[in-house]
Amino acid sequence: MSDHPAPTRVVVVDDHPLVAEGIEAILEGYPDLDVLATLSDGQAIIDRLDELAPDVVLMDLNMPGLGGLSATEMIRERRPATRVLVLSMHDSPEYVANALSHGACGYVLKDVPTDEIKRAIDSVMAGERYLCTGAEGALQPVLSGGREQLTNREQTILLQLAQGKSNKAVAQALDISVRTVETHRKNIKRKLGISSTAGLTRYALEHGVLQGTGVNG
């Protein structure tokens, strides 16, 4: 048996071939990384997620078809052990906060030195969140200024829960596992600072989430 741990399995998702191939070439220089594939859109990684079983996905945000945010959320649902590290040219607070609220473990700008990408991969593999310097600075006003936003999926689940549905009923309606619903429910409560189901229902009523659904309130 070898004493060396298995290399970290990485997939690069970016619709610009030159960018994807450039990142692949950089990462292949590290013996403890194994680049499994370079893919051109979010749907491609979702379709091959179980086949490739990556440890880390380097994800661009703006891509044709299924974009990076939706793909990130779907990866976190289907394969929670896979870490998504967003690699983007956008350094605005909205982009950074959105990526993290959709389940990304880190955010790296495309113009960082190459060794920082490696450092980011190592950090998220160690269970840490990684923000490069530019992203961290962009996010600071958001961190000091209030709640994280709910993702589209979380809003959908909040609506179902506010209608009085059980975790099992929500799971069946959305074709996801009960455990996934429980995870979303926990994240919703954390983001909104609400500890009870009654509180979630009240929030949904007060913020118009239940409007047009036939639920009285």
N, C-alpha and C. Protein backbone atom coordinates (compact mmCIF):
# COMPACT_ATOMS: atom_id res chain seq x y z
N MET A 1 0.83 -1.20 0.00
CA MET A 1 0.00 0.00 0.00
C MET A 1 0.87 1.26 0.00
N SER A 2 0.42 2.27 -0.73
CA SER A 2 1.17 3.52 -0.81
C SER A 2 0.80 4.42 0.36
N ASP A 3 1.80 5.18 0.83
CA ASP A 3 1.55 6.14 1.91
C ASP A 3 0.96 7.44 1.38
N HIS A 4 1.00 7.62 0.06
CA HIS A 4 0.53 8.88 -0.51
C HIS A 4 -1.00 8.88 -0.62
N PRO A 5 -1.64 9.98 -0.18
CA PRO A 5 -3.11 10.05 -0.35
C PRO A 5 -3.46 10.15 -1.83
N ALA A 6 -4.68 9.75 -2.14
CA ALA A 6 -5.13 9.84 -3.53
C ALA A 6 -5.18 11.31 -3.96
N PRO A 7 -4.84 11.60 -5.22
CA PRO A 7 -4.90 13.00 -5.67
C PRO A 7 -6.32 13.55 -5.64
N THR A 8 -6.43 14.85 -5.46
CA THR A 8 -7.72 15.53 -5.48
C THR A 8 -8.25 15.54 -6.91
N ARG A 9 -9.47 15.06 -7.08
CA ARG A 9 -10.08 14.93 -8.41
C ARG A 9 -10.81 16.24 -8.76
N VAL A 10 -10.38 16.88 -9.85
CA VAL A 10 -10.87 18.21 -10.21
C VAL A 10 -11.52 18.19 -11.59
N VAL A 11 -12.64 18.92 -11.71
CA VAL A 11 -13.26 19.17 -13.01
C VAL A 11 -13.31 20.68 -13.23
N VAL A 12 -12.96 21.13 -14.42
CA VAL A 12 -13.02 22.56 -14.77
C VAL A 12 -14.23 22.78 -15.68
N VAL A 13 -15.11 23.73 -15.30
CA VAL A 13 -16.29 24.04 -16.10
C VAL A 13 -16.23 25.50 -16.52
N ASP A 14 -15.98 25.73 -17.81
CA ASP A 14 -15.87 27.10 -18.33
C ASP A 14 -16.15 27.05 -19.83
N ASP A 15 -16.95 28.00 -20.33
CA ASP A 15 -17.33 27.95 -21.74
C ASP A 15 -16.27 28.56 -22.67
N HIS A 16 -15.17 29.04 -22.11
CA HIS A 16 -14.07 29.54 -22.94
C HIS A 16 -12.96 28.49 -22.97
N PRO A 17 -12.79 27.79 -24.10
CA PRO A 17 -11.80 26.70 -24.17
C PRO A 17 -10.40 27.11 -23.76
N LEU A 18 -9.98 28.32 -24.14
CA LEU A 18 -8.62 28.75 -23.80
C LEU A 18 -8.45 28.86 -22.29
N VAL A 19 -9.49 29.37 -21.63
CA VAL A 19 -9.43 29.51 -20.17
C VAL A 19 -9.39 28.12 -19.52
N ALA A 20 -10.33 27.27 -19.95
CA ALA A 20 -10.41 25.92 -19.36
C ALA A 20 -9.11 25.15 -19.56
N GLU A 21 -8.56 25.21 -20.79
CA GLU A 21 -7.32 24.46 -21.08
C GLU A 21 -6.13 25.06 -20.34
N GLY A 22 -6.16 26.39 -20.18
CA GLY A 22 -5.07 27.04 -19.44
C GLY A 22 -5.06 26.63 -17.98
N ILE A 23 -6.26 26.58 -17.37
CA ILE A 23 -6.36 26.15 -15.97
C ILE A 23 -5.95 24.69 -15.84
N GLU A 24 -6.40 23.88 -16.79
CA GLU A 24 -6.04 22.46 -16.77
C GLU A 24 -4.51 22.29 -16.82
N ALA A 25 -3.86 23.04 -17.70
CA ALA A 25 -2.41 22.94 -17.84
C ALA A 25 -1.70 23.34 -16.55
N ILE A 26 -2.23 24.38 -15.89
CA ILE A 26 -1.64 24.83 -14.62
C ILE A 26 -1.78 23.74 -13.55
N LEU A 27 -2.99 23.21 -13.43
CA LEU A 27 -3.27 22.25 -12.35
C LEU A 27 -2.55 20.92 -12.57
N GLU A 28 -2.35 20.55 -13.82
CA GLU A 28 -1.69 19.28 -14.09
C GLU A 28 -0.21 19.29 -13.68
N GLY A 29 0.30 20.47 -13.37
CA GLY A 29 1.66 20.58 -12.87
C GLY A 29 1.80 20.17 -11.42
N TYR A 30 0.67 19.96 -10.74
CA TYR A 30 0.71 19.55 -9.33
C TYR A 30 0.44 18.05 -9.23
N PRO A 31 1.37 17.30 -8.66
CA PRO A 31 1.20 15.84 -8.62
C PRO A 31 0.03 15.37 -7.76
N ASP A 32 -0.44 16.24 -6.83
CA ASP A 32 -1.54 15.82 -5.95
C ASP A 32 -2.91 16.25 -6.48
N LEU A 33 -2.94 16.71 -7.75
CA LEU A 33 -4.21 17.05 -8.40
C LEU A 33 -4.39 16.19 -9.64
N ASP A 34 -5.63 15.79 -9.90
CA ASP A 34 -5.94 15.01 -11.09
C ASP A 34 -7.11 15.68 -11.81
N VAL A 35 -6.84 16.32 -12.95
CA VAL A 35 -7.91 16.99 -13.70
C VAL A 35 -8.64 15.94 -14.53
N LEU A 36 -9.90 15.67 -14.17
CA LEU A 36 -10.67 14.61 -14.80
C LEU A 36 -11.23 15.01 -16.15
N ALA A 37 -11.64 16.31 -16.27
CA ALA A 37 -12.29 16.78 -17.50
C ALA A 37 -12.37 18.29 -17.49
N THR A 38 -12.47 18.87 -18.70
CA THR A 38 -12.85 20.28 -18.85
C THR A 38 -14.17 20.28 -19.61
N LEU A 39 -15.17 20.95 -19.04
CA LEU A 39 -16.51 20.96 -19.62
C LEU A 39 -16.93 22.40 -19.91
N SER A 40 -17.88 22.56 -20.84
CA SER A 40 -18.17 23.90 -21.34
C SER A 40 -19.44 24.54 -20.80
N ASP A 41 -20.24 23.82 -20.00
CA ASP A 41 -21.43 24.45 -19.42
C ASP A 41 -21.91 23.66 -18.21
N GLY A 42 -22.85 24.25 -17.48
CA GLY A 42 -23.33 23.65 -16.25
C GLY A 42 -24.02 22.32 -16.45
N GLN A 43 -24.78 22.20 -17.55
CA GLN A 43 -25.50 20.95 -17.78
C GLN A 43 -24.54 19.78 -17.97
N ALA A 44 -23.39 20.06 -18.57
CA ALA A 44 -22.42 18.99 -18.83
C ALA A 44 -21.91 18.38 -17.53
N ILE A 45 -21.65 19.22 -16.51
CA ILE A 45 -21.17 18.66 -15.24
C ILE A 45 -22.30 17.94 -14.51
N ILE A 46 -23.53 18.43 -14.61
CA ILE A 46 -24.65 17.73 -13.97
C ILE A 46 -24.84 16.36 -14.61
N ASP A 47 -24.76 16.30 -15.93
CA ASP A 47 -24.95 15.03 -16.65
C ASP A 47 -23.87 14.00 -16.30
N ARG A 48 -22.67 14.48 -15.99
CA ARG A 48 -21.54 13.55 -15.76
C ARG A 48 -21.08 13.52 -14.30
N LEU A 49 -21.89 14.09 -13.41
CA LEU A 49 -21.49 14.23 -12.01
C LEU A 49 -21.21 12.88 -11.35
N ASP A 50 -22.11 11.93 -11.52
CA ASP A 50 -21.92 10.62 -10.89
C ASP A 50 -20.78 9.85 -11.54
N GLU A 51 -20.65 10.00 -12.86
CA GLU A 51 -19.58 9.30 -13.59
C GLU A 51 -18.20 9.81 -13.16
N LEU A 52 -18.05 11.13 -13.09
CA LEU A 52 -16.74 11.72 -12.78
C LEU A 52 -16.45 11.72 -11.29
N ALA A 53 -17.49 11.91 -10.48
CA ALA A 53 -17.35 11.95 -9.01
C ALA A 53 -16.19 12.85 -8.56
N PRO A 54 -16.21 14.12 -8.95
CA PRO A 54 -15.09 15.00 -8.59
C PRO A 54 -15.09 15.39 -7.11
N ASP A 55 -13.90 15.69 -6.60
CA ASP A 55 -13.79 16.26 -5.26
C ASP A 55 -14.06 17.76 -5.32
N VAL A 56 -13.54 18.40 -6.37
CA VAL A 56 -13.68 19.86 -6.52
C VAL A 56 -14.09 20.18 -7.95
N VAL A 57 -15.06 21.08 -8.10
CA VAL A 57 -15.44 21.60 -9.41
C VAL A 57 -15.06 23.08 -9.45
N LEU A 58 -14.22 23.46 -10.40
CA LEU A 58 -13.92 24.88 -10.65
C LEU A 58 -14.96 25.39 -11.62
N MET A 59 -15.81 26.31 -11.16
CA MET A 59 -17.03 26.66 -11.89
C MET A 59 -17.04 28.13 -12.33
N ASP A 60 -17.16 28.33 -13.63
CA ASP A 60 -17.42 29.67 -14.15
C ASP A 60 -18.88 30.01 -13.85
N LEU A 61 -19.23 31.29 -13.83
CA LEU A 61 -20.61 31.68 -13.52
C LEU A 61 -21.46 31.88 -14.76
N ASN A 62 -20.99 32.71 -15.68
CA ASN A 62 -21.80 33.07 -16.84
C ASN A 62 -21.49 32.13 -18.00
N MET A 63 -22.42 31.19 -18.23
CA MET A 63 -22.25 30.24 -19.33
C MET A 63 -23.59 30.06 -20.02
N PRO A 64 -23.58 29.70 -21.31
CA PRO A 64 -24.85 29.46 -22.00
C PRO A 64 -25.56 28.24 -21.41
N GLY A 65 -26.88 28.22 -21.54
CA GLY A 65 -27.64 27.09 -20.99
C GLY A 65 -27.70 27.19 -19.48
N LEU A 66 -27.35 26.11 -18.81
CA LEU A 66 -27.37 26.08 -17.35
C LEU A 66 -26.14 26.82 -16.81
N GLY A 67 -26.39 27.92 -16.11
CA GLY A 67 -25.30 28.75 -15.60
C GLY A 67 -24.66 28.18 -14.34
N GLY A 68 -23.60 28.84 -13.90
CA GLY A 68 -22.82 28.35 -12.78
C GLY A 68 -23.57 28.31 -11.45
N LEU A 69 -24.43 29.30 -11.19
CA LEU A 69 -25.14 29.33 -9.91
C LEU A 69 -26.10 28.15 -9.79
N SER A 70 -26.91 27.94 -10.82
CA SER A 70 -27.87 26.83 -10.79
C SER A 70 -27.14 25.49 -10.73
N ALA A 71 -26.06 25.37 -11.49
CA ALA A 71 -25.29 24.12 -11.50
C ALA A 71 -24.68 23.86 -10.12
N THR A 72 -24.20 24.92 -9.48
CA THR A 72 -23.63 24.78 -8.13
C THR A 72 -24.66 24.25 -7.16
N GLU A 73 -25.85 24.82 -7.21
CA GLU A 73 -26.91 24.39 -6.29
C GLU A 73 -27.29 22.92 -6.54
N MET A 74 -27.35 22.54 -7.81
CA MET A 74 -27.70 21.16 -8.15
C MET A 74 -26.61 20.17 -7.72
N ILE A 75 -25.36 20.58 -7.86
CA ILE A 75 -24.25 19.72 -7.41
C ILE A 75 -24.33 19.52 -5.90
N ARG A 76 -24.59 20.59 -5.17
CA ARG A 76 -24.66 20.50 -3.71
C ARG A 76 -25.82 19.61 -3.27
N GLU A 77 -26.89 19.60 -4.06
CA GLU A 77 -28.03 18.73 -3.75
C GLU A 77 -27.69 17.26 -4.03
N ARG A 78 -27.12 17.03 -5.20
CA ARG A 78 -26.94 15.64 -5.66
C ARG A 78 -25.68 14.97 -5.12
N ARG A 79 -24.67 15.77 -4.86
CA ARG A 79 -23.40 15.20 -4.39
C ARG A 79 -22.78 16.17 -3.38
N PRO A 80 -23.29 16.17 -2.15
CA PRO A 80 -22.85 17.16 -1.15
C PRO A 80 -21.35 17.13 -0.85
N ALA A 81 -20.70 15.98 -1.09
CA ALA A 81 -19.27 15.89 -0.79
C ALA A 81 -18.41 16.66 -1.79
N THR A 82 -18.97 16.97 -2.96
CA THR A 82 -18.21 17.72 -3.97
C THR A 82 -18.18 19.20 -3.61
N ARG A 83 -16.98 19.77 -3.59
CA ARG A 83 -16.85 21.21 -3.30
C ARG A 83 -16.85 21.99 -4.61
N VAL A 84 -17.60 23.08 -4.63
CA VAL A 84 -17.61 23.95 -5.82
C VAL A 84 -16.83 25.21 -5.50
N LEU A 85 -15.86 25.49 -6.34
CA LEU A 85 -15.03 26.68 -6.21
C LEU A 85 -15.28 27.54 -7.44
N VAL A 86 -15.91 28.69 -7.23
CA VAL A 86 -16.24 29.57 -8.36
C VAL A 86 -14.97 30.29 -8.82
N LEU A 87 -14.77 30.27 -10.12
CA LEU A 87 -13.63 30.94 -10.75
C LEU A 87 -14.22 31.94 -11.75
N SER A 88 -14.17 33.23 -11.39
CA SER A 88 -14.91 34.23 -12.17
C SER A 88 -14.08 35.48 -12.37
N MET A 89 -14.48 36.28 -13.36
CA MET A 89 -13.82 37.58 -13.55
C MET A 89 -14.59 38.68 -12.83
N HIS A 90 -15.75 38.36 -12.25
CA HIS A 90 -16.59 39.37 -11.58
C HIS A 90 -16.23 39.49 -10.11
N ASP A 91 -15.94 40.71 -9.67
CA ASP A 91 -15.58 40.90 -8.26
C ASP A 91 -16.61 41.72 -7.49
N SER A 92 -17.83 41.86 -8.03
CA SER A 92 -18.84 42.66 -7.34
C SER A 92 -19.40 41.87 -6.16
N PRO A 93 -19.82 42.57 -5.09
CA PRO A 93 -20.35 41.89 -3.90
C PRO A 93 -21.52 40.97 -4.23
N GLU A 94 -22.38 41.40 -5.17
CA GLU A 94 -23.56 40.59 -5.51
C GLU A 94 -23.15 39.22 -6.06
N TYR A 95 -22.15 39.22 -6.94
CA TYR A 95 -21.69 37.96 -7.53
C TYR A 95 -21.12 37.03 -6.45
N VAL A 96 -20.28 37.61 -5.58
CA VAL A 96 -19.63 36.79 -4.54
C VAL A 96 -20.68 36.23 -3.58
N ALA A 97 -21.55 37.11 -3.08
CA ALA A 97 -22.57 36.68 -2.11
C ALA A 97 -23.51 35.66 -2.72
N ASN A 98 -23.88 35.87 -3.98
CA ASN A 98 -24.79 34.94 -4.67
C ASN A 98 -24.16 33.56 -4.80
N ALA A 99 -22.89 33.54 -5.16
CA ALA A 99 -22.20 32.25 -5.33
C ALA A 99 -22.17 31.49 -4.00
N LEU A 100 -21.86 32.18 -2.93
CA LEU A 100 -21.78 31.52 -1.62
C LEU A 100 -23.16 31.07 -1.16
N SER A 101 -24.18 31.88 -1.42
CA SER A 101 -25.53 31.50 -0.97
C SER A 101 -26.06 30.31 -1.77
N HIS A 102 -25.55 30.10 -2.97
CA HIS A 102 -25.96 28.94 -3.77
C HIS A 102 -25.15 27.68 -3.44
N GLY A 103 -24.21 27.80 -2.51
CA GLY A 103 -23.50 26.60 -2.05
C GLY A 103 -22.04 26.52 -2.42
N ALA A 104 -21.50 27.55 -3.08
CA ALA A 104 -20.07 27.52 -3.41
C ALA A 104 -19.25 27.56 -2.12
N CYS A 105 -18.14 26.84 -2.12
CA CYS A 105 -17.25 26.81 -0.95
C CYS A 105 -16.19 27.90 -1.03
N GLY A 106 -16.06 28.51 -2.20
CA GLY A 106 -15.04 29.54 -2.35
C GLY A 106 -15.24 30.32 -3.62
N TYR A 107 -14.50 31.41 -3.73
CA TYR A 107 -14.63 32.32 -4.88
C TYR A 107 -13.24 32.86 -5.20
N VAL A 108 -12.81 32.63 -6.43
CA VAL A 108 -11.47 33.06 -6.86
C VAL A 108 -11.62 33.83 -8.17
N LEU A 109 -10.95 34.96 -8.25
CA LEU A 109 -10.98 35.75 -9.48
C LEU A 109 -9.99 35.16 -10.48
N LYS A 110 -10.34 35.27 -11.76
CA LYS A 110 -9.53 34.61 -12.80
C LYS A 110 -8.14 35.23 -12.97
N ASP A 111 -7.95 36.43 -12.43
CA ASP A 111 -6.64 37.06 -12.62
C ASP A 111 -5.70 36.84 -11.45
N VAL A 112 -6.03 35.90 -10.55
CA VAL A 112 -5.13 35.63 -9.42
C VAL A 112 -3.90 34.87 -9.90
N PRO A 113 -2.79 34.93 -9.13
CA PRO A 113 -1.63 34.11 -9.48
C PRO A 113 -2.01 32.62 -9.48
N THR A 114 -1.33 31.86 -10.31
CA THR A 114 -1.71 30.45 -10.46
C THR A 114 -1.64 29.67 -9.16
N ASP A 115 -0.67 29.99 -8.30
CA ASP A 115 -0.55 29.21 -7.06
C ASP A 115 -1.73 29.47 -6.12
N GLU A 116 -2.45 30.57 -6.34
CA GLU A 116 -3.61 30.84 -5.48
C GLU A 116 -4.77 29.91 -5.80
N ILE A 117 -4.89 29.50 -7.06
CA ILE A 117 -5.93 28.53 -7.41
C ILE A 117 -5.66 27.22 -6.67
N LYS A 118 -4.40 26.81 -6.64
CA LYS A 118 -4.03 25.59 -5.91
C LYS A 118 -4.33 25.75 -4.42
N ARG A 119 -4.01 26.90 -3.88
CA ARG A 119 -4.25 27.16 -2.46
C ARG A 119 -5.74 27.11 -2.15
N ALA A 120 -6.54 27.64 -3.08
CA ALA A 120 -8.01 27.63 -2.90
C ALA A 120 -8.53 26.20 -2.90
N ILE A 121 -8.04 25.36 -3.82
CA ILE A 121 -8.47 23.96 -3.88
C ILE A 121 -8.11 23.25 -2.57
N ASP A 122 -6.89 23.45 -2.09
CA ASP A 122 -6.46 22.82 -0.84
C ASP A 122 -7.33 23.27 0.33
N SER A 123 -7.70 24.55 0.34
CA SER A 123 -8.50 25.09 1.45
C SER A 123 -9.89 24.48 1.48
N VAL A 124 -10.56 24.42 0.32
CA VAL A 124 -11.93 23.88 0.33
C VAL A 124 -11.90 22.37 0.59
N MET A 125 -10.83 21.69 0.19
CA MET A 125 -10.70 20.27 0.49
C MET A 125 -10.51 20.05 2.00
N ALA A 126 -9.97 21.05 2.67
CA ALA A 126 -9.77 20.96 4.12
C ALA A 126 -11.03 21.39 4.89
N GLY A 127 -12.10 21.68 4.13
CA GLY A 127 -13.36 22.05 4.76
C GLY A 127 -13.49 23.53 5.08
N GLU A 128 -12.58 24.34 4.54
CA GLU A 128 -12.62 25.78 4.79
C GLU A 128 -13.28 26.51 3.62
N ARG A 129 -13.76 27.72 3.89
CA ARG A 129 -14.24 28.57 2.81
C ARG A 129 -13.06 29.41 2.33
N TYR A 130 -12.94 29.59 1.01
CA TYR A 130 -11.81 30.35 0.48
C TYR A 130 -12.31 31.52 -0.36
N LEU A 131 -11.88 32.71 0.00
CA LEU A 131 -12.16 33.91 -0.81
C LEU A 131 -10.82 34.55 -1.14
N CYS A 132 -10.56 34.75 -2.42
CA CYS A 132 -9.33 35.45 -2.77
C CYS A 132 -9.43 36.90 -2.29
N THR A 133 -8.32 37.60 -2.27
CA THR A 133 -8.29 38.94 -1.68
C THR A 133 -9.34 39.87 -2.30
N GLY A 134 -9.45 39.88 -3.63
CA GLY A 134 -10.41 40.76 -4.29
C GLY A 134 -11.84 40.41 -3.93
N ALA A 135 -12.14 39.12 -3.85
CA ALA A 135 -13.50 38.69 -3.52
C ALA A 135 -13.83 38.99 -2.07
N GLU A 136 -12.86 38.81 -1.19
CA GLU A 136 -13.09 39.05 0.23
C GLU A 136 -13.40 40.53 0.47
N GLY A 137 -12.65 41.40 -0.21
CA GLY A 137 -12.89 42.83 -0.07
C GLY A 137 -14.26 43.23 -0.60
N ALA A 138 -14.67 42.59 -1.71
CA ALA A 138 -15.97 42.90 -2.30
C ALA A 138 -17.10 42.46 -1.39
N LEU A 139 -16.87 41.35 -0.68
CA LEU A 139 -17.94 40.78 0.13
C LEU A 139 -18.11 41.47 1.47
N GLN A 140 -17.11 42.20 1.93
CA GLN A 140 -17.15 42.75 3.28
C GLN A 140 -18.40 43.59 3.55
N PRO A 141 -18.81 44.49 2.63
CA PRO A 141 -20.03 45.27 2.89
C PRO A 141 -21.26 44.38 3.04
N VAL A 142 -21.29 43.27 2.31
CA VAL A 142 -22.43 42.36 2.38
C VAL A 142 -22.45 41.65 3.73
N LEU A 143 -21.27 41.20 4.17
CA LEU A 143 -21.18 40.48 5.44
C LEU A 143 -21.59 41.36 6.60
N SER A 144 -21.30 42.64 6.51
CA SER A 144 -21.62 43.52 7.62
C SER A 144 -23.01 44.13 7.49
N GLY A 145 -23.70 43.82 6.40
CA GLY A 145 -24.95 44.53 6.14
C GLY A 145 -26.19 43.68 6.06
N GLY A 146 -26.25 42.55 6.75
CA GLY A 146 -27.54 41.86 6.79
C GLY A 146 -27.50 40.42 6.32
N ARG A 147 -28.68 39.93 5.99
CA ARG A 147 -28.87 38.50 5.74
C ARG A 147 -28.42 38.08 4.35
N GLU A 148 -28.09 36.78 4.27
CA GLU A 148 -27.86 36.18 2.96
C GLU A 148 -29.21 36.03 2.25
N GLN A 149 -29.19 36.09 0.94
CA GLN A 149 -30.42 35.90 0.17
C GLN A 149 -30.71 34.42 0.02
N LEU A 150 -32.02 34.11 -0.05
CA LEU A 150 -32.43 32.74 -0.35
C LEU A 150 -32.23 32.47 -1.84
N THR A 151 -31.78 31.27 -2.17
CA THR A 151 -31.68 30.88 -3.58
C THR A 151 -33.09 30.57 -4.10
N ASN A 152 -33.20 30.42 -5.42
CA ASN A 152 -34.51 30.09 -6.01
C ASN A 152 -35.05 28.78 -5.44
N ARG A 153 -34.17 27.80 -5.29
CA ARG A 153 -34.58 26.50 -4.75
C ARG A 153 -35.07 26.64 -3.32
N GLU A 154 -34.36 27.44 -2.54
CA GLU A 154 -34.77 27.65 -1.14
C GLU A 154 -36.11 28.38 -1.07
N GLN A 155 -36.35 29.32 -1.97
CA GLN A 155 -37.64 30.01 -2.00
C GLN A 155 -38.76 29.03 -2.32
N THR A 156 -38.50 28.12 -3.27
CA THR A 156 -39.49 27.10 -3.63
C THR A 156 -39.82 26.22 -2.43
N ILE A 157 -38.79 25.80 -1.71
CA ILE A 157 -38.99 24.93 -0.56
C ILE A 157 -39.67 25.69 0.58
N LEU A 158 -39.30 26.95 0.77
CA LEU A 158 -39.98 27.77 1.78
C LEU A 158 -41.47 27.84 1.49
N LEU A 159 -41.82 28.03 0.24
CA LEU A 159 -43.24 28.10 -0.16
C LEU A 159 -43.95 26.80 0.21
N GLN A 160 -43.33 25.68 -0.11
CA GLN A 160 -43.94 24.37 0.18
C GLN A 160 -44.11 24.17 1.69
N LEU A 161 -43.07 24.51 2.44
CA LEU A 161 -43.14 24.34 3.90
C LEU A 161 -44.19 25.26 4.51
N ALA A 162 -44.27 26.48 3.98
CA ALA A 162 -45.24 27.45 4.51
C ALA A 162 -46.67 27.02 4.23
N GLN A 163 -46.85 26.16 3.22
CA GLN A 163 -48.18 25.63 2.94
C GLN A 163 -48.53 24.46 3.85
N GLY A 164 -47.62 24.14 4.78
CA GLY A 164 -47.89 23.09 5.75
C GLY A 164 -47.45 21.71 5.33
N LYS A 165 -46.68 21.61 4.24
CA LYS A 165 -46.25 20.30 3.77
C LYS A 165 -45.11 19.76 4.64
N SER A 166 -45.09 18.45 4.80
CA SER A 166 -44.00 17.80 5.54
C SER A 166 -42.75 17.72 4.66
N ASN A 167 -41.61 17.44 5.30
CA ASN A 167 -40.38 17.26 4.53
C ASN A 167 -40.55 16.18 3.45
N LYS A 168 -41.24 15.10 3.82
CA LYS A 168 -41.44 14.00 2.88
C LYS A 168 -42.28 14.44 1.68
N ALA A 169 -43.35 15.21 1.97
CA ALA A 169 -44.22 15.69 0.88
C ALA A 169 -43.47 16.65 -0.04
N VAL A 170 -42.63 17.50 0.54
CA VAL A 170 -41.83 18.42 -0.27
C VAL A 170 -40.85 17.64 -1.13
N ALA A 171 -40.22 16.63 -0.53
CA ALA A 171 -39.26 15.81 -1.27
C ALA A 171 -39.92 15.13 -2.47
N GLN A 172 -41.14 14.60 -2.26
CA GLN A 172 -41.85 13.94 -3.36
C GLN A 172 -42.25 14.94 -4.44
N ALA A 173 -42.70 16.13 -4.02
CA ALA A 173 -43.15 17.14 -4.98
C ALA A 173 -41.99 17.63 -5.86
N LEU A 174 -40.80 17.72 -5.28
CA LEU A 174 -39.65 18.27 -6.01
C LEU A 174 -38.70 17.19 -6.52
N ASP A 175 -39.03 15.93 -6.24
CA ASP A 175 -38.22 14.79 -6.69
C ASP A 175 -36.79 14.88 -6.17
N ILE A 176 -36.67 15.16 -4.87
CA ILE A 176 -35.36 15.17 -4.20
C ILE A 176 -35.49 14.34 -2.93
N SER A 177 -34.39 14.09 -2.26
CA SER A 177 -34.44 13.26 -1.06
C SER A 177 -34.92 14.06 0.15
N VAL A 178 -35.44 13.35 1.14
CA VAL A 178 -35.88 14.00 2.37
C VAL A 178 -34.70 14.68 3.05
N ARG A 179 -33.54 14.04 2.99
CA ARG A 179 -32.34 14.63 3.60
C ARG A 179 -31.99 15.97 2.94
N THR A 180 -32.16 16.05 1.62
CA THR A 180 -31.89 17.31 0.91
C THR A 180 -32.85 18.40 1.36
N VAL A 181 -34.13 18.03 1.54
CA VAL A 181 -35.11 19.01 2.03
C VAL A 181 -34.71 19.49 3.43
N GLU A 182 -34.29 18.55 4.27
CA GLU A 182 -33.89 18.92 5.64
C GLU A 182 -32.70 19.88 5.62
N THR A 183 -31.77 19.63 4.71
CA THR A 183 -30.60 20.52 4.60
C THR A 183 -31.03 21.91 4.15
N HIS A 184 -31.89 21.98 3.13
CA HIS A 184 -32.39 23.28 2.67
C HIS A 184 -33.15 23.99 3.79
N ARG A 185 -33.96 23.24 4.51
CA ARG A 185 -34.76 23.81 5.59
C ARG A 185 -33.86 24.45 6.66
N LYS A 186 -32.79 23.71 6.99
CA LYS A 186 -31.84 24.23 7.97
C LYS A 186 -31.16 25.51 7.46
N ASN A 187 -30.79 25.51 6.17
CA ASN A 187 -30.14 26.69 5.59
C ASN A 187 -31.09 27.89 5.54
N ILE A 188 -32.36 27.62 5.22
CA ILE A 188 -33.36 28.69 5.18
C ILE A 188 -33.50 29.32 6.56
N LYS A 189 -33.63 28.48 7.58
CA LYS A 189 -33.78 28.99 8.96
C LYS A 189 -32.55 29.80 9.37
N ARG A 190 -31.36 29.29 8.99
CA ARG A 190 -30.13 30.02 9.35
C ARG A 190 -30.08 31.38 8.66
N LYS A 191 -30.38 31.39 7.36
CA LYS A 191 -30.29 32.64 6.61
C LYS A 191 -31.30 33.68 7.10
N LEU A 192 -32.49 33.21 7.48
CA LEU A 192 -33.54 34.13 7.89
C LEU A 192 -33.52 34.41 9.39
N GLY A 193 -32.70 33.67 10.11
CA GLY A 193 -32.66 33.84 11.56
C GLY A 193 -33.95 33.39 12.23
N ILE A 194 -34.57 32.34 11.70
CA ILE A 194 -35.85 31.83 12.20
C ILE A 194 -35.64 30.40 12.69
N SER A 195 -36.20 30.08 13.86
CA SER A 195 -35.93 28.77 14.46
C SER A 195 -37.10 27.79 14.35
N SER A 196 -38.31 28.27 14.03
CA SER A 196 -39.47 27.38 14.02
C SER A 196 -40.17 27.37 12.67
N THR A 197 -40.95 26.31 12.43
CA THR A 197 -41.73 26.22 11.20
C THR A 197 -42.81 27.30 11.17
N ALA A 198 -43.39 27.58 12.34
CA ALA A 198 -44.39 28.66 12.41
C ALA A 198 -43.77 29.99 12.01
N GLY A 199 -42.52 30.18 12.41
CA GLY A 199 -41.81 31.40 12.04
C GLY A 199 -41.59 31.49 10.54
N LEU A 200 -41.29 30.35 9.91
CA LEU A 200 -41.12 30.32 8.46
C LEU A 200 -42.43 30.69 7.76
N THR A 201 -43.54 30.13 8.26
CA THR A 201 -44.85 30.43 7.67
C THR A 201 -45.16 31.91 7.81
N ARG A 202 -44.89 32.46 8.98
CA ARG A 202 -45.15 33.89 9.22
C ARG A 202 -44.30 34.75 8.28
N TYR A 203 -43.03 34.37 8.13
CA TYR A 203 -42.15 35.11 7.22
C TYR A 203 -42.71 35.06 5.80
N ALA A 204 -43.15 33.87 5.37
CA ALA A 204 -43.69 33.71 4.02
C ALA A 204 -44.91 34.59 3.81
N LEU A 205 -45.76 34.66 4.81
CA LEU A 205 -46.96 35.51 4.72
C LEU A 205 -46.58 36.98 4.65
N GLU A 206 -45.68 37.39 5.53
CA GLU A 206 -45.31 38.81 5.61
C GLU A 206 -44.57 39.29 4.37
N HIS A 207 -43.87 38.39 3.70
CA HIS A 207 -43.06 38.79 2.54
C HIS A 207 -43.69 38.39 1.20
N GLY A 208 -44.95 38.00 1.25
CA GLY A 208 -45.68 37.76 0.01
C GLY A 208 -45.32 36.48 -0.71
N VAL A 209 -44.61 35.57 -0.01
CA VAL A 209 -44.21 34.33 -0.66
C VAL A 209 -45.43 33.48 -1.03
N LEU A 210 -46.48 33.59 -0.23
CA LEU A 210 -47.67 32.76 -0.43
C LEU A 210 -48.70 33.39 -1.36
N GLN A 211 -48.44 34.59 -1.85
CA GLN A 211 -49.41 35.25 -2.71
C GLN A 211 -49.63 34.45 -3.99
N GLY A 212 -50.88 34.33 -4.36
CA GLY A 212 -51.21 33.68 -5.62
C GLY A 212 -51.17 32.18 -5.57
N THR A 213 -51.04 31.61 -4.35
CA THR A 213 -50.96 30.15 -4.24
C THR A 213 -52.26 29.54 -3.74
N GLY A 214 -53.21 30.38 -3.41
CA GLY A 214 -54.46 29.87 -2.88
C GLY A 214 -54.41 29.65 -1.39
N VAL A 215 -53.30 30.04 -0.75
CA VAL A 215 -53.19 29.91 0.70
C VAL A 215 -53.65 31.20 1.34
N ASN A 216 -54.55 31.11 2.29
CA ASN A 216 -55.08 32.31 2.91
C ASN A 216 -54.05 32.92 3.84
N GLY A 217 -54.09 34.24 3.92
CA GLY A 217 -53.16 34.88 4.83
C GLY A 217 -53.22 36.37 4.63
